[in-house]
Amino acid sequence: MNSKKNFGVLVATAIMALTALAPGAAFADSQKNKNNWRNGAIAGGAVGLYGLKNGDTTTAVLGGAAAAYSAKRYEDERKNQAKASRNRARYHRSSSSYISNGRKYYTYDGHKYYQNLKSGARVRVN
């Protein structure tokens, strides 16, 4: 019985370590990041259920805490991804944008910019 309890604590510790180290992958693709947080929430929930099933409160609390934290970060990533998508759509569908002399002129956050369509460079117009 003691070895089962130690195994549960070991698994809970591993899950917590993985979710704590996941922010190091912040430079990765947004969708991949979001999926990692979702998977961490599922794994934390599984560890929490394992602790509840075996009567180990430490494992249950650690698993539940990992699941809650990962679910919160998943929601944050989802909202950030939606915000970035809205910003991209706003740029591409701007009614005030026009193309002249190989440059696309547009307004973003109250400032006028142009994008050189050949090089892709963006410059703020004063």
C-alpha atoms as a PDB file:
ATOM      1  CA  MET A   1       0.000   0.000   0.000  1.00  0.00           C
ATOM      2  CA  ASN A   2       2.851   2.361   0.837  1.00  0.00           C
ATOM      3  CA  SER A   3       4.440   1.822  -2.587  1.00  0.00           C
ATOM      4  CA  LYS A   4       1.138   2.749  -4.272  1.00  0.00           C
ATOM      5  CA  LYS A   5       0.988   5.973  -2.254  1.00  0.00           C
ATOM      6  CA  ASN A   6       4.600   6.794  -3.141  1.00  0.00           C
ATOM      7  CA  PHE A   7       3.870   6.110  -6.805  1.00  0.00           C
ATOM      8  CA  GLY A   8       0.884   8.466  -6.697  1.00  0.00           C
ATOM      9  CA  VAL A   9       2.945  11.229  -5.121  1.00  0.00           C
ATOM     10  CA  LEU A  10       5.680  10.638  -7.699  1.00  0.00           C
ATOM     11  CA  VAL A  11       3.189  10.900 -10.568  1.00  0.00           C
ATOM     12  CA  ALA A  12       1.641  14.056  -9.077  1.00  0.00           C
ATOM     13  CA  THR A  13       5.075  15.616  -8.665  1.00  0.00           C
ATOM     14  CA  ALA A  14       5.961  14.776 -12.261  1.00  0.00           C
ATOM     15  CA  ILE A  15       2.739  16.359 -13.530  1.00  0.00           C
ATOM     16  CA  MET A  16       3.341  19.506 -11.487  1.00  0.00           C
ATOM     17  CA  ALA A  17       6.925  19.725 -12.772  1.00  0.00           C
ATOM     18  CA  LEU A  18       5.782  19.378 -16.376  1.00  0.00           C
ATOM     19  CA  THR A  19       3.173  22.105 -16.023  1.00  0.00           C
ATOM     20  CA  ALA A  20       5.664  24.375 -14.268  1.00  0.00           C
ATOM     21  CA  LEU A  21       8.218  23.917 -17.050  1.00  0.00           C
ATOM     22  CA  ALA A  22       5.691  24.373 -19.862  1.00  0.00           C
ATOM     23  CA  PRO A  23       5.921  28.212 -19.811  1.00  0.00           C
ATOM     24  CA  GLY A  24       9.473  27.789 -21.077  1.00  0.00           C
ATOM     25  CA  ALA A  25       7.925  26.823 -24.391  1.00  0.00           C
ATOM     26  CA  ALA A  26       6.242  30.236 -24.680  1.00  0.00           C
ATOM     27  CA  PHE A  27       8.069  30.931 -27.919  1.00  0.00           C
ATOM     28  CA  ALA A  28       6.507  27.897 -29.541  1.00  0.00           C
ATOM     29  CA  ASP A  29       3.499  27.956 -31.798  1.00  0.00           C
ATOM     30  CA  SER A  30       0.390  29.308 -30.117  1.00  0.00           C
ATOM     31  CA  GLN A  31      -1.767  26.311 -31.053  1.00  0.00           C
ATOM     32  CA  LYS A  32       0.851  23.879 -29.756  1.00  0.00           C
ATOM     33  CA  ASN A  33       1.113  25.851 -26.524  1.00  0.00           C
ATOM     34  CA  LYS A  34      -2.652  25.804 -26.110  1.00  0.00           C
ATOM     35  CA  ASN A  35      -2.776  22.049 -26.699  1.00  0.00           C
ATOM     36  CA  ASN A  36      -0.012  21.465 -24.133  1.00  0.00           C
ATOM     37  CA  TRP A  37      -1.959  23.349 -21.458  1.00  0.00           C
ATOM     38  CA  ARG A  38      -5.125  21.391 -22.297  1.00  0.00           C
ATOM     39  CA  ASN A  39      -3.257  18.097 -22.058  1.00  0.00           C
ATOM     40  CA  GLY A  40      -1.706  19.182 -18.751  1.00  0.00           C
ATOM     41  CA  ALA A  41      -5.174  19.921 -17.386  1.00  0.00           C
ATOM     42  CA  ILE A  42      -6.382  16.474 -18.422  1.00  0.00           C
ATOM     43  CA  ALA A  43      -3.343  14.787 -16.878  1.00  0.00           C
ATOM     44  CA  GLY A  44      -3.690  16.783 -13.652  1.00  0.00           C
ATOM     45  CA  GLY A  45      -7.352  15.828 -13.440  1.00  0.00           C
ATOM     46  CA  ALA A  46      -6.448  12.168 -13.945  1.00  0.00           C
ATOM     47  CA  VAL A  47      -3.895  12.354 -11.134  1.00  0.00           C
ATOM     48  CA  GLY A  48      -6.472  14.045  -8.906  1.00  0.00           C
ATOM     49  CA  LEU A  49      -9.007  11.311  -9.613  1.00  0.00           C
ATOM     50  CA  TYR A  50      -6.368   8.676  -8.938  1.00  0.00           C
ATOM     51  CA  GLY A  51      -5.727  10.277  -5.541  1.00  0.00           C
ATOM     52  CA  LEU A  52      -9.441  10.409  -4.754  1.00  0.00           C
ATOM     53  CA  LYS A  53      -9.943   6.775  -5.773  1.00  0.00           C
ATOM     54  CA  ASN A  54      -7.106   5.579  -3.544  1.00  0.00           C
ATOM     55  CA  GLY A  55      -7.887   7.886  -0.611  1.00  0.00           C
ATOM     56  CA  ASP A  56      -4.630   9.825  -0.963  1.00  0.00           C
ATOM     57  CA  THR A  57      -5.513  13.465  -0.272  1.00  0.00           C
ATOM     58  CA  THR A  58      -2.051  14.805  -1.123  1.00  0.00           C
ATOM     59  CA  THR A  59      -2.151  13.323  -4.609  1.00  0.00           C
ATOM     60  CA  ALA A  60      -5.754  14.450  -5.083  1.00  0.00           C
ATOM     61  CA  VAL A  61      -4.992  18.040  -4.070  1.00  0.00           C
ATOM     62  CA  LEU A  62      -1.818  18.241  -6.173  1.00  0.00           C
ATOM     63  CA  GLY A  63      -3.580  16.772  -9.206  1.00  0.00           C
ATOM     64  CA  GLY A  64      -6.546  19.098  -8.767  1.00  0.00           C
ATOM     65  CA  ALA A  65      -4.263  22.125  -8.413  1.00  0.00           C
ATOM     66  CA  ALA A  66      -2.334  21.149 -11.546  1.00  0.00           C
ATOM     67  CA  ALA A  67      -5.589  20.684 -13.447  1.00  0.00           C
ATOM     68  CA  ALA A  68      -6.945  24.058 -12.315  1.00  0.00           C
ATOM     69  CA  TYR A  69      -3.743  25.928 -13.171  1.00  0.00           C
ATOM     70  CA  SER A  70      -3.430  24.267 -16.570  1.00  0.00           C
ATOM     71  CA  ALA A  71      -7.090  24.938 -17.366  1.00  0.00           C
ATOM     72  CA  LYS A  72      -6.604  28.620 -16.508  1.00  0.00           C
ATOM     73  CA  ARG A  73      -3.543  28.878 -18.737  1.00  0.00           C
ATOM     74  CA  TYR A  74      -5.430  27.049 -21.529  1.00  0.00           C
ATOM     75  CA  GLU A  75      -8.182  29.669 -21.369  1.00  0.00           C
ATOM     76  CA  ASP A  76      -5.607  32.477 -21.408  1.00  0.00           C
ATOM     77  CA  GLU A  77      -3.942  30.982 -24.499  1.00  0.00           C
ATOM     78  CA  ARG A  78      -7.309  30.517 -26.188  1.00  0.00           C
ATOM     79  CA  LYS A  79      -8.243  34.158 -25.555  1.00  0.00           C
ATOM     80  CA  ASN A  80      -4.846  35.406 -26.753  1.00  0.00           C
ATOM     81  CA  GLN A  81      -5.165  33.341 -29.909  1.00  0.00           C
ATOM     82  CA  ALA A  82      -8.636  34.764 -30.584  1.00  0.00           C
ATOM     83  CA  LYS A  83      -7.377  38.307 -29.974  1.00  0.00           C
ATOM     84  CA  ALA A  84      -4.479  37.827 -32.405  1.00  0.00           C
ATOM     85  CA  SER A  85      -6.898  36.446 -34.976  1.00  0.00           C
ATOM     86  CA  ARG A  86      -9.161  39.481 -34.575  1.00  0.00           C
ATOM     87  CA  ASN A  87      -6.195  41.815 -34.978  1.00  0.00           C
ATOM     88  CA  ARG A  88      -5.074  40.039 -38.148  1.00  0.00           C
ATOM     89  CA  ALA A  89      -8.597  40.199 -39.543  1.00  0.00           C
ATOM     90  CA  ARG A  90      -8.837  43.872 -38.695  1.00  0.00           C
ATOM     91  CA  TYR A  91      -5.596  44.577 -40.556  1.00  0.00           C
ATOM     92  CA  HIS A  92      -6.547  42.615 -43.654  1.00  0.00           C
ATOM     93  CA  ARG A  93     -10.143  43.823 -43.827  1.00  0.00           C
ATOM     94  CA  SER A  94      -9.533  47.452 -43.029  1.00  0.00           C
ATOM     95  CA  SER A  95     -11.809  49.622 -45.154  1.00  0.00           C
ATOM     96  CA  SER A  96      -9.277  52.425 -45.043  1.00  0.00           C
ATOM     97  CA  SER A  97      -6.468  50.418 -46.660  1.00  0.00           C
ATOM     98  CA  TYR A  98      -5.456  50.972 -50.249  1.00  0.00           C
ATOM     99  CA  ILE A  99      -2.581  50.030 -52.554  1.00  0.00           C
ATOM    100  CA  SER A 100      -0.509  52.639 -54.363  1.00  0.00           C
ATOM    101  CA  ASN A 101       2.923  52.364 -56.027  1.00  0.00           C
ATOM    102  CA  GLY A 102       3.573  48.849 -54.708  1.00  0.00           C
ATOM    103  CA  ARG A 103       2.690  49.808 -51.129  1.00  0.00           C
ATOM    104  CA  LYS A 104      -0.338  48.918 -49.068  1.00  0.00           C
ATOM    105  CA  TYR A 105      -1.399  51.820 -46.852  1.00  0.00           C
ATOM    106  CA  TYR A 106      -3.485  51.081 -43.773  1.00  0.00           C
ATOM    107  CA  THR A 107      -4.432  52.461 -40.365  1.00  0.00           C
ATOM    108  CA  TYR A 108      -3.760  50.527 -37.160  1.00  0.00           C
ATOM    109  CA  ASP A 109      -4.405  51.804 -33.631  1.00  0.00           C
ATOM    110  CA  GLY A 110      -4.878  55.326 -34.912  1.00  0.00           C
ATOM    111  CA  HIS A 111      -1.570  55.441 -36.798  1.00  0.00           C
ATOM    112  CA  LYS A 112      -1.055  55.255 -40.540  1.00  0.00           C
ATOM    113  CA  TYR A 113       1.371  52.645 -41.904  1.00  0.00           C
ATOM    114  CA  TYR A 114       2.416  51.297 -45.249  1.00  0.00           C
ATOM    115  CA  GLN A 115       3.705  47.882 -46.214  1.00  0.00           C
ATOM    116  CA  ASN A 116       6.067  47.398 -49.118  1.00  0.00           C
ATOM    117  CA  LEU A 117       4.447  44.508 -50.968  1.00  0.00           C
ATOM    118  CA  LYS A 118       7.748  43.307 -52.454  1.00  0.00           C
ATOM    119  CA  SER A 119       9.865  43.201 -49.305  1.00  0.00           C
ATOM    120  CA  GLY A 120       7.099  42.963 -46.684  1.00  0.00           C
ATOM    121  CA  ALA A 121       8.660  45.803 -44.644  1.00  0.00           C
ATOM    122  CA  ARG A 122       6.196  47.899 -42.626  1.00  0.00           C
ATOM    123  CA  VAL A 123       6.805  51.583 -41.976  1.00  0.00           C
ATOM    124  CA  ARG A 124       4.852  54.090 -39.899  1.00  0.00           C
ATOM    125  CA  VAL A 125       3.790  57.177 -41.842  1.00  0.00           C
ATOM    126  CA  ASN A 126       3.685  60.388 -39.798  1.00  0.00           C
END
